[in-house]
PDB file of N, CA and C in Angstrom:
ATOM      1  N   MET A   1     114.264   0.555  48.322  1.00  0.00           N
ATOM      2  CA  MET A   1     113.036   0.103  48.674  1.00  0.00           C
ATOM      3  C   MET A   1     111.968   1.277  48.448  1.00  0.00           C
ATOM      4  N   PRO A   2     110.906   0.880  47.739  1.00  0.00           N
ATOM      5  CA  PRO A   2     109.948   1.952  47.488  1.00  0.00           C
ATOM      6  C   PRO A   2     109.270   2.417  48.684  1.00  0.00           C
ATOM      7  N   THR A   3     108.754   3.754  48.922  1.00  0.00           N
ATOM      8  CA  THR A   3     108.022   4.201  50.001  1.00  0.00           C
ATOM      9  C   THR A   3     106.738   4.642  49.595  1.00  0.00           C
ATOM     10  N   VAL A   4     105.870   4.709  50.469  1.00  0.00           N
ATOM     11  CA  VAL A   4     104.489   5.059  50.373  1.00  0.00           C
ATOM     12  C   VAL A   4     104.146   6.189  51.429  1.00  0.00           C
ATOM     13  N   ASN A   5     103.209   6.996  51.011  1.00  0.00           N
ATOM     14  CA  ASN A   5     102.629   8.100  51.966  1.00  0.00           C
ATOM     15  C   ASN A   5     101.534   7.642  52.628  1.00  0.00           C
ATOM     16  N   TYR A   6     101.407   7.884  53.947  1.00  0.00           N
ATOM     17  CA  TYR A   6     100.269   7.430  54.576  1.00  0.00           C
ATOM     18  C   TYR A   6      99.783   8.458  55.468  1.00  0.00           C
ATOM     19  N   THR A   7      98.477   8.836  55.546  1.00  0.00           N
ATOM     20  CA  THR A   7      97.945   9.771  56.414  1.00  0.00           C
ATOM     21  C   THR A   7      97.439   9.329  57.746  1.00  0.00           C
ATOM     22  N   LEU A   8      97.817   9.743  58.775  1.00  0.00           N
ATOM     23  CA  LEU A   8      97.366   9.363  60.143  1.00  0.00           C
ATOM     24  C   LEU A   8      96.760  10.342  60.958  1.00  0.00           C
ATOM     25  N   ARG A   9      95.638   9.988  61.453  1.00  0.00           N
ATOM     26  CA  ARG A   9      94.969  10.866  62.551  1.00  0.00           C
ATOM     27  C   ARG A   9      95.337  10.532  63.873  1.00  0.00           C
ATOM     28  N   LEU A  10      95.688  11.631  64.638  1.00  0.00           N
ATOM     29  CA  LEU A  10      96.163  11.497  66.044  1.00  0.00           C
ATOM     30  C   LEU A  10      95.796  12.581  66.912  1.00  0.00           C
ATOM     31  N   ASP A  11      95.747  12.472  68.178  1.00  0.00           N
ATOM     32  CA  ASP A  11      95.710  13.638  69.023  1.00  0.00           C
ATOM     33  C   ASP A  11      96.783  14.582  69.091  1.00  0.00           C
ATOM     34  N   GLU A  12      96.391  15.829  68.917  1.00  0.00           N
ATOM     35  CA  GLU A  12      97.504  16.744  68.713  1.00  0.00           C
ATOM     36  C   GLU A  12      98.614  16.828  69.967  1.00  0.00           C
ATOM     37  N   THR A  13      98.088  16.515  71.052  1.00  0.00           N
ATOM     38  CA  THR A  13      98.921  16.611  72.321  1.00  0.00           C
ATOM     39  C   THR A  13      99.829  15.369  72.215  1.00  0.00           C
ATOM     40  N   ASP A  14      99.208  14.192  71.860  1.00  0.00           N
ATOM     41  CA  ASP A  14     100.012  13.021  71.778  1.00  0.00           C
ATOM     42  C   ASP A  14     101.260  13.130  70.746  1.00  0.00           C
ATOM     43  N   LYS A  15     100.867  13.702  69.624  1.00  0.00           N
ATOM     44  CA  LYS A  15     101.717  14.074  68.525  1.00  0.00           C
ATOM     45  C   LYS A  15     102.888  15.066  68.965  1.00  0.00           C
ATOM     46  N   LYS A  16     102.572  16.034  69.612  1.00  0.00           N
ATOM     47  CA  LYS A  16     103.526  16.852  70.075  1.00  0.00           C
ATOM     48  C   LYS A  16     104.535  16.263  71.111  1.00  0.00           C
ATOM     49  N   THR A  17     103.839  15.507  72.002  1.00  0.00           N
ATOM     50  CA  THR A  17     104.649  14.853  73.043  1.00  0.00           C
ATOM     51  C   THR A  17     105.648  13.804  72.277  1.00  0.00           C
ATOM     52  N   ALA A  18     105.265  13.061  71.428  1.00  0.00           N
ATOM     53  CA  ALA A  18     105.951  11.961  70.739  1.00  0.00           C
ATOM     54  C   ALA A  18     107.155  12.775  70.002  1.00  0.00           C
ATOM     55  N   GLU A  19     106.772  13.874  69.240  1.00  0.00           N
ATOM     56  CA  GLU A  19     107.880  14.596  68.613  1.00  0.00           C
ATOM     57  C   GLU A  19     108.907  15.061  69.448  1.00  0.00           C
ATOM     58  N   LEU A  20     108.520  15.627  70.785  1.00  0.00           N
ATOM     59  CA  LEU A  20     109.535  16.080  71.703  1.00  0.00           C
ATOM     60  C   LEU A  20     110.501  14.841  72.183  1.00  0.00           C
ATOM     61  N   ILE A  21     109.979  13.838  72.410  1.00  0.00           N
ATOM     62  CA  ILE A  21     110.749  12.674  72.861  1.00  0.00           C
ATOM     63  C   ILE A  21     111.742  12.187  71.701  1.00  0.00           C
ATOM     64  N   PHE A  22     111.083  11.988  70.437  1.00  0.00           N
ATOM     65  CA  PHE A  22     111.842  11.523  69.301  1.00  0.00           C
ATOM     66  C   PHE A  22     112.931  12.605  69.101  1.00  0.00           C
ATOM     67  N   ASN A  23     112.719  13.911  69.172  1.00  0.00           N
ATOM     68  CA  ASN A  23     113.678  14.853  68.978  1.00  0.00           C
ATOM     69  C   ASN A  23     114.828  14.870  70.015  1.00  0.00           C
ATOM     70  N   GLN A  24     114.543  14.438  71.269  1.00  0.00           N
ATOM     71  CA  GLN A  24     115.418  14.301  72.172  1.00  0.00           C
ATOM     72  C   GLN A  24     116.370  12.982  71.972  1.00  0.00           C
ATOM     73  N   LEU A  25     115.741  12.134  71.268  1.00  0.00           N
ATOM     74  CA  LEU A  25     116.551  10.921  70.804  1.00  0.00           C
ATOM     75  C   LEU A  25     117.333  11.109  69.524  1.00  0.00           C
ATOM     76  N   GLY A  26     117.071  12.278  68.916  1.00  0.00           N
ATOM     77  CA  GLY A  26     117.850  12.567  67.584  1.00  0.00           C
ATOM     78  C   GLY A  26     117.006  12.095  66.372  1.00  0.00           C
ATOM     79  N   LEU A  27     115.648  11.838  66.587  1.00  0.00           N
ATOM     80  CA  LEU A  27     114.896  11.359  65.465  1.00  0.00           C
ATOM     81  C   LEU A  27     113.564  12.229  65.241  1.00  0.00           C
ATOM     82  N   THR A  28     113.249  12.147  64.011  1.00  0.00           N
ATOM     83  CA  THR A  28     111.981  12.725  63.703  1.00  0.00           C
ATOM     84  C   THR A  28     110.804  11.914  64.091  1.00  0.00           C
ATOM     85  N   LEU A  29     109.701  12.532  64.074  1.00  0.00           N
ATOM     86  CA  LEU A  29     108.449  11.691  64.193  1.00  0.00           C
ATOM     87  C   LEU A  29     108.375  10.590  63.179  1.00  0.00           C
ATOM     88  N   SER A  30     108.552  10.891  61.994  1.00  0.00           N
ATOM     89  CA  SER A  30     108.492   9.827  60.981  1.00  0.00           C
ATOM     90  C   SER A  30     109.593   8.646  61.211  1.00  0.00           C
ATOM     91  N   ALA A  31     110.644   9.182  61.551  1.00  0.00           N
ATOM     92  CA  ALA A  31     111.740   8.056  61.798  1.00  0.00           C
ATOM     93  C   ALA A  31     111.273   7.287  63.027  1.00  0.00           C
ATOM     94  N   GLY A  32     110.669   7.899  64.092  1.00  0.00           N
ATOM     95  CA  GLY A  32     110.275   7.048  65.226  1.00  0.00           C
ATOM     96  C   GLY A  32     109.187   6.160  64.900  1.00  0.00           C
ATOM     97  N   LEU A  33     108.170   6.582  64.031  1.00  0.00           N
ATOM     98  CA  LEU A  33     107.001   5.725  63.512  1.00  0.00           C
ATOM     99  C   LEU A  33     107.581   4.600  62.730  1.00  0.00           C
ATOM    100  N   ASN A  34     108.648   4.864  61.853  1.00  0.00           N
ATOM    101  CA  ASN A  34     109.162   3.755  60.998  1.00  0.00           C
ATOM    102  C   ASN A  34     109.915   2.801  61.865  1.00  0.00           C
ATOM    103  N   ILE A  35     110.549   3.134  62.830  1.00  0.00           N
ATOM    104  CA  ILE A  35     111.154   2.257  63.854  1.00  0.00           C
ATOM    105  C   ILE A  35     110.094   1.375  64.370  1.00  0.00           C
ATOM    106  N   TYR A  36     109.091   1.932  64.961  1.00  0.00           N
ATOM    107  CA  TYR A  36     107.949   1.105  65.530  1.00  0.00           C
ATOM    108  C   TYR A  36     107.392   0.166  64.540  1.00  0.00           C
ATOM    109  N   LEU A  37     107.111   0.652  63.329  1.00  0.00           N
ATOM    110  CA  LEU A  37     106.548  -0.319  62.313  1.00  0.00           C
ATOM    111  C   LEU A  37     107.478  -1.379  61.933  1.00  0.00           C
ATOM    112  N   LYS A  38     108.798  -1.095  61.816  1.00  0.00           N
ATOM    113  CA  LYS A  38     109.782  -2.125  61.425  1.00  0.00           C
ATOM    114  C   LYS A  38     109.959  -3.196  62.521  1.00  0.00           C
ATOM    115  N   THR A  39     109.599  -2.712  63.877  1.00  0.00           N
ATOM    116  CA  THR A  39     109.674  -3.497  64.983  1.00  0.00           C
ATOM    117  C   THR A  39     108.516  -4.386  65.049  1.00  0.00           C
ATOM    118  N   VAL A  40     107.366  -4.013  64.712  1.00  0.00           N
ATOM    119  CA  VAL A  40     106.200  -4.723  64.527  1.00  0.00           C
ATOM    120  C   VAL A  40     106.431  -5.820  63.494  1.00  0.00           C
ATOM    121  N   ALA A  41     106.889  -5.331  62.339  1.00  0.00           N
ATOM    122  CA  ALA A  41     107.170  -6.404  61.169  1.00  0.00           C
ATOM    123  C   ALA A  41     108.130  -7.379  61.677  1.00  0.00           C
ATOM    124  N   ARG A  42     109.251  -7.028  62.263  1.00  0.00           N
ATOM    125  CA  ARG A  42     110.361  -7.937  62.576  1.00  0.00           C
ATOM    126  C   ARG A  42     109.980  -8.993  63.532  1.00  0.00           C
ATOM    127  N   GLN A  43     109.188  -8.445  64.730  1.00  0.00           N
ATOM    128  CA  GLN A  43     108.862  -9.328  65.774  1.00  0.00           C
ATOM    129  C   GLN A  43     107.471  -9.959  65.524  1.00  0.00           C
ATOM    130  N   LYS A  44     106.786  -9.466  64.580  1.00  0.00           N
ATOM    131  CA  LYS A  44     105.426  -9.978  64.185  1.00  0.00           C
ATOM    132  C   LYS A  44     104.525  -9.921  65.385  1.00  0.00           C
ATOM    133  N   LYS A  45     104.570  -8.769  66.143  1.00  0.00           N
ATOM    134  CA  LYS A  45     103.732  -8.586  67.350  1.00  0.00           C
ATOM    135  C   LYS A  45     103.956  -7.138  67.785  1.00  0.00           C
ATOM    136  N   ILE A  46     103.002  -6.547  68.551  1.00  0.00           N
ATOM    137  CA  ILE A  46     103.216  -5.182  69.065  1.00  0.00           C
ATOM    138  C   ILE A  46     104.300  -5.330  70.193  1.00  0.00           C
ATOM    139  N   PRO A  47     105.379  -4.428  70.068  1.00  0.00           N
ATOM    140  CA  PRO A  47     106.539  -4.580  70.920  1.00  0.00           C
ATOM    141  C   PRO A  47     106.498  -4.201  72.367  1.00  0.00           C
ATOM    142  N   PHE A  48     105.164  -4.266  72.926  1.00  0.00           N
ATOM    143  CA  PHE A  48     104.994  -3.946  74.168  1.00  0.00           C
ATOM    144  C   PHE A  48     103.710  -4.508  74.660  1.00  0.00           C
ATOM    145  N   VAL A  49     103.570  -4.759  75.999  1.00  0.00           N
ATOM    146  CA  VAL A  49     102.259  -5.458  76.510  1.00  0.00           C
ATOM    147  C   VAL A  49     101.070  -4.500  76.483  1.00  0.00           C
ATOM    148  N   LEU A  50     100.008  -4.973  75.962  1.00  0.00           N
ATOM    149  CA  LEU A  50      98.680  -4.236  76.058  1.00  0.00           C
ATOM    150  C   LEU A  50      97.946  -4.945  77.078  1.00  0.00           C
ATOM    151  N   ASP A  51      97.753  -4.320  78.244  1.00  0.00           N
ATOM    152  CA  ASP A  51      97.045  -5.102  79.448  1.00  0.00           C
ATOM    153  C   ASP A  51      96.162  -3.997  80.185  1.00  0.00           C
ATOM    154  N   LEU A  52      94.944  -4.676  80.555  1.00  0.00           N
ATOM    155  CA  LEU A  52      94.040  -3.845  81.375  1.00  0.00           C
ATOM    156  C   LEU A  52      93.942  -4.224  82.805  1.00  0.00           C
ATOM    157  N   ASN A  53      94.906  -5.205  83.172  1.00  0.00           N
ATOM    158  CA  ASN A  53      94.971  -5.501  84.681  1.00  0.00           C
ATOM    159  C   ASN A  53      95.452  -4.490  85.629  1.00  0.00           C
ATOM    160  N   GLU A  54      95.378  -4.667  86.933  1.00  0.00           N
ATOM    161  CA  GLU A  54      95.703  -3.548  87.747  1.00  0.00           C
ATOM    162  C   GLU A  54      97.034  -3.190  87.847  1.00  0.00           C
ATOM    163  N   ASN A  55      97.948  -4.035  87.267  1.00  0.00           N
ATOM    164  CA  ASN A  55      99.359  -3.730  87.233  1.00  0.00           C
ATOM    165  C   ASN A  55      99.776  -2.770  85.944  1.00  0.00           C
ATOM    166  N   ALA A  56      98.810  -2.734  85.013  1.00  0.00           N
ATOM    167  CA  ALA A  56      99.181  -2.032  83.762  1.00  0.00           C
ATOM    168  C   ALA A  56      99.449  -0.587  84.056  1.00  0.00           C
ATOM    169  N   ASP A  57     100.256   0.038  83.200  1.00  0.00           N
ATOM    170  CA  ASP A  57     100.531   1.457  83.181  1.00  0.00           C
ATOM    171  C   ASP A  57      99.343   2.228  82.798  1.00  0.00           C
ATOM    172  N   MET A  58      98.619   2.920  83.640  1.00  0.00           N
ATOM    173  CA  MET A  58      97.376   3.709  83.327  1.00  0.00           C
ATOM    174  C   MET A  58      97.819   5.178  83.406  1.00  0.00           C
ATOM    175  N   PRO A  59      97.136   6.064  82.785  1.00  0.00           N
ATOM    176  CA  PRO A  59      97.536   7.604  82.973  1.00  0.00           C
ATOM    177  C   PRO A  59      97.337   7.962  84.370  1.00  0.00           C
ATOM    178  N   SER A  60      98.146   8.596  84.877  1.00  0.00           N
ATOM    179  CA  SER A  60      98.111   9.018  86.300  1.00  0.00           C
ATOM    180  C   SER A  60      98.569  10.405  86.430  1.00  0.00           C
ATOM    181  N   THR A  61      98.445  10.968  87.601  1.00  0.00           N
ATOM    182  CA  THR A  61      98.862  12.410  87.889  1.00  0.00           C
ATOM    183  C   THR A  61      99.965  12.415  88.900  1.00  0.00           C
ATOM    184  N   ASP A  62     100.469  13.571  89.140  1.00  0.00           N
ATOM    185  CA  ASP A  62     101.469  13.954  90.341  1.00  0.00           C
ATOM    186  C   ASP A  62     102.590  13.031  90.358  1.00  0.00           C
ATOM    187  N   ILE A  63     102.717  12.304  91.490  1.00  0.00           N
ATOM    188  CA  ILE A  63     103.992  11.563  91.686  1.00  0.00           C
ATOM    189  C   ILE A  63     104.201  10.508  90.766  1.00  0.00           C
ATOM    190  N   ASN A  64     103.033   9.817  90.477  1.00  0.00           N
ATOM    191  CA  ASN A  64     103.198   8.610  89.544  1.00  0.00           C
ATOM    192  C   ASN A  64     103.569   9.032  88.134  1.00  0.00           C
ATOM    193  N   ASN A  65     103.349  10.238  87.671  1.00  0.00           N
ATOM    194  CA  ASN A  65     103.609  10.666  86.388  1.00  0.00           C
ATOM    195  C   ASN A  65     105.019  10.581  86.129  1.00  0.00           C
ATOM    196  N   THR A  66     105.926  10.921  87.083  1.00  0.00           N
ATOM    197  CA  THR A  66     107.484  10.748  86.766  1.00  0.00           C
ATOM    198  C   THR A  66     107.774   9.309  86.494  1.00  0.00           C
ATOM    199  N   VAL A  67     107.364   8.418  87.426  1.00  0.00           N
ATOM    200  CA  VAL A  67     107.448   6.989  87.132  1.00  0.00           C
ATOM    201  C   VAL A  67     106.970   6.482  85.838  1.00  0.00           C
ATOM    202  N   ASN A  68     105.876   6.938  85.431  1.00  0.00           N
ATOM    203  CA  ASN A  68     105.458   6.445  84.189  1.00  0.00           C
ATOM    204  C   ASN A  68     106.218   6.950  82.982  1.00  0.00           C
ATOM    205  N   LYS A  69     106.589   8.158  83.080  1.00  0.00           N
ATOM    206  CA  LYS A  69     107.493   8.798  82.110  1.00  0.00           C
ATOM    207  C   LYS A  69     108.887   7.937  81.877  1.00  0.00           C
ATOM    208  N   GLU A  70     109.393   7.646  83.131  1.00  0.00           N
ATOM    209  CA  GLU A  70     110.514   6.949  82.960  1.00  0.00           C
ATOM    210  C   GLU A  70     110.213   5.473  82.368  1.00  0.00           C
ATOM    211  N   LYS A  71     109.168   4.765  82.658  1.00  0.00           N
ATOM    212  CA  LYS A  71     108.814   3.497  82.192  1.00  0.00           C
ATOM    213  C   LYS A  71     108.623   3.733  80.577  1.00  0.00           C
ATOM    214  N   SER A  72     108.056   4.783  80.262  1.00  0.00           N
ATOM    215  CA  SER A  72     107.885   4.979  78.742  1.00  0.00           C
ATOM    216  C   SER A  72     109.081   5.200  78.123  1.00  0.00           C
ATOM    217  N   PHE A  73     110.165   5.942  78.666  1.00  0.00           N
ATOM    218  CA  PHE A  73     111.314   6.268  78.127  1.00  0.00           C
ATOM    219  C   PHE A  73     112.204   4.814  77.879  1.00  0.00           C
ATOM    220  N   LYS A  74     112.016   4.087  78.948  1.00  0.00           N
ATOM    221  CA  LYS A  74     112.802   2.685  78.850  1.00  0.00           C
ATOM    222  C   LYS A  74     112.201   1.949  77.891  1.00  0.00           C
ATOM    223  N   ALA A  75     110.846   1.873  77.660  1.00  0.00           N
ATOM    224  CA  ALA A  75     110.118   1.141  76.551  1.00  0.00           C
ATOM    225  C   ALA A  75     110.596   1.623  75.051  1.00  0.00           C
ATOM    226  N   ILE A  76     110.704   2.967  75.085  1.00  0.00           N
ATOM    227  CA  ILE A  76     111.112   3.550  73.673  1.00  0.00           C
ATOM    228  C   ILE A  76     112.513   2.990  73.373  1.00  0.00           C
ATOM    229  N   LYS A  77     113.483   3.074  74.500  1.00  0.00           N
ATOM    230  CA  LYS A  77     114.841   2.602  74.359  1.00  0.00           C
ATOM    231  C   LYS A  77     114.780   1.107  73.844  1.00  0.00           C
ATOM    232  N   GLY A  78     113.941   0.345  74.466  1.00  0.00           N
ATOM    233  CA  GLY A  78     113.786  -1.124  74.144  1.00  0.00           C
ATOM    234  C   GLY A  78     113.400  -1.308  72.665  1.00  0.00           C
ATOM    235  N   ILE A  79     112.379  -0.410  72.317  1.00  0.00           N
ATOM    236  CA  ILE A  79     111.951  -0.613  70.900  1.00  0.00           C
ATOM    237  C   ILE A  79     113.046  -0.149  69.921  1.00  0.00           C
ATOM    238  N   LEU A  80     113.945   0.862  70.273  1.00  0.00           N
ATOM    239  CA  LEU A  80     115.012   1.464  69.458  1.00  0.00           C
ATOM    240  C   LEU A  80     116.138   0.385  69.434  1.00  0.00           C
ATOM    241  N   THR A  81     116.403  -0.435  70.435  1.00  0.00           N
ATOM    242  CA  THR A  81     117.302  -1.517  70.268  1.00  0.00           C
ATOM    243  C   THR A  81     117.463  -2.290  69.024  1.00  0.00           C
ATOM    244  N   GLY A  82     118.544  -2.224  68.372  1.00  0.00           N
ATOM    245  CA  GLY A  82     118.643  -3.207  67.108  1.00  0.00           C
ATOM    246  C   GLY A  82     118.346  -2.356  65.830  1.00  0.00           C
ATOM    247  N   HIS A  83     118.011  -1.142  66.109  1.00  0.00           N
ATOM    248  CA  HIS A  83     117.536  -0.442  64.822  1.00  0.00           C
ATOM    249  C   HIS A  83     118.548   0.712  64.683  1.00  0.00           C
ATOM    250  N   GLU A  84     119.039   0.961  63.312  1.00  0.00           N
ATOM    251  CA  GLU A  84     119.886   1.975  63.044  1.00  0.00           C
ATOM    252  C   GLU A  84     119.271   2.955  62.021  1.00  0.00           C
ATOM    253  N   ILE A  85     119.216   4.094  62.265  1.00  0.00           N
ATOM    254  CA  ILE A  85     118.522   5.107  61.422  1.00  0.00           C
ATOM    255  C   ILE A  85     119.630   5.841  60.624  1.00  0.00           C
ATOM    256  N   ASN A  86     119.478   5.893  59.358  1.00  0.00           N
ATOM    257  CA  ASN A  86     120.390   6.850  58.512  1.00  0.00           C
ATOM    258  C   ASN A  86     119.805   8.196  58.498  1.00  0.00           C
ATOM    259  N   LEU A  87     120.477   8.909  59.363  1.00  0.00           N
ATOM    260  CA  LEU A  87     119.963  10.331  59.540  1.00  0.00           C
ATOM    261  C   LEU A  87     120.101  11.217  58.294  1.00  0.00           C
ATOM    262  N   GLU A  88     121.124  10.864  57.523  1.00  0.00           N
ATOM    263  CA  GLU A  88     121.268  11.667  56.179  1.00  0.00           C
ATOM    264  C   GLU A  88     119.920  11.354  55.340  1.00  0.00           C
ATOM    265  N   ASN A  89     119.624  10.233  55.271  1.00  0.00           N
ATOM    266  CA  ASN A  89     118.544   9.819  54.387  1.00  0.00           C
ATOM    267  C   ASN A  89     117.269  10.417  55.087  1.00  0.00           C
ATOM    268  N   GLU A  90     117.106  10.468  56.354  1.00  0.00           N
ATOM    269  CA  GLU A  90     115.981  10.956  57.006  1.00  0.00           C
ATOM    270  C   GLU A  90     115.946  12.567  56.717  1.00  0.00           C
ATOM    271  N   ARG A  91     117.029  13.159  56.889  1.00  0.00           N
ATOM    272  CA  ARG A  91     117.001  14.643  56.488  1.00  0.00           C
ATOM    273  C   ARG A  91     116.808  14.857  55.104  1.00  0.00           C
ATOM    274  N   THR A  92     117.228  14.182  54.058  1.00  0.00           N
ATOM    275  CA  THR A  92     117.024  14.252  52.743  1.00  0.00           C
ATOM    276  C   THR A  92     115.379  14.063  52.618  1.00  0.00           C
ATOM    277  N   GLU A  93     114.759  13.055  53.127  1.00  0.00           N
ATOM    278  CA  GLU A  93     113.347  12.733  52.931  1.00  0.00           C
ATOM    279  C   GLU A  93     112.573  14.009  53.433  1.00  0.00           C
ATOM    280  N   ARG A  94     112.949  14.513  54.783  1.00  0.00           N
ATOM    281  CA  ARG A  94     112.342  15.735  55.223  1.00  0.00           C
ATOM    282  C   ARG A  94     112.538  16.897  54.159  1.00  0.00           C
ATOM    283  N   ILE A  95     113.508  17.114  53.541  1.00  0.00           N
ATOM    284  CA  ILE A  95     113.636  18.314  52.681  1.00  0.00           C
ATOM    285  C   ILE A  95     112.833  18.009  51.427  1.00  0.00           C
ATOM    286  N   LEU A  96     112.817  16.814  50.922  1.00  0.00           N
ATOM    287  CA  LEU A  96     112.026  16.521  49.902  1.00  0.00           C
ATOM    288  C   LEU A  96     110.560  16.551  49.974  1.00  0.00           C
ATOM    289  N   SER A  97     110.058  16.316  51.103  1.00  0.00           N
ATOM    290  CA  SER A  97     108.733  16.177  51.561  1.00  0.00           C
ATOM    291  C   SER A  97     108.116  17.520  51.683  1.00  0.00           C
ATOM    292  N   LYS A  98     108.896  18.703  51.715  1.00  0.00           N
ATOM    293  CA  LYS A  98     108.430  20.014  52.112  1.00  0.00           C
ATOM    294  C   LYS A  98     108.087  20.607  50.773  1.00  0.00           C
TER     295      LYS A  98
END
């Protein structure tokens, strides 16, 4: 399957946080984003709820932060379900892109 390069602008803190999470899952940022995009294409929707009601997960501090991180991790696990990543191909792509 042919690949394309795409430039993405994002907040530096969000990028570093996502990289840390993906690395803990054994993935690169590129692999994590590819999983997300494949999930969107397969489900034909954003794979989580976008909501502004009072029950929505909003940025919080202190004690609620731990709860939100756990919810986020569960959401990532849900997104990853059903996806297999060929880590050897991912490794090769990283080497070739340098």
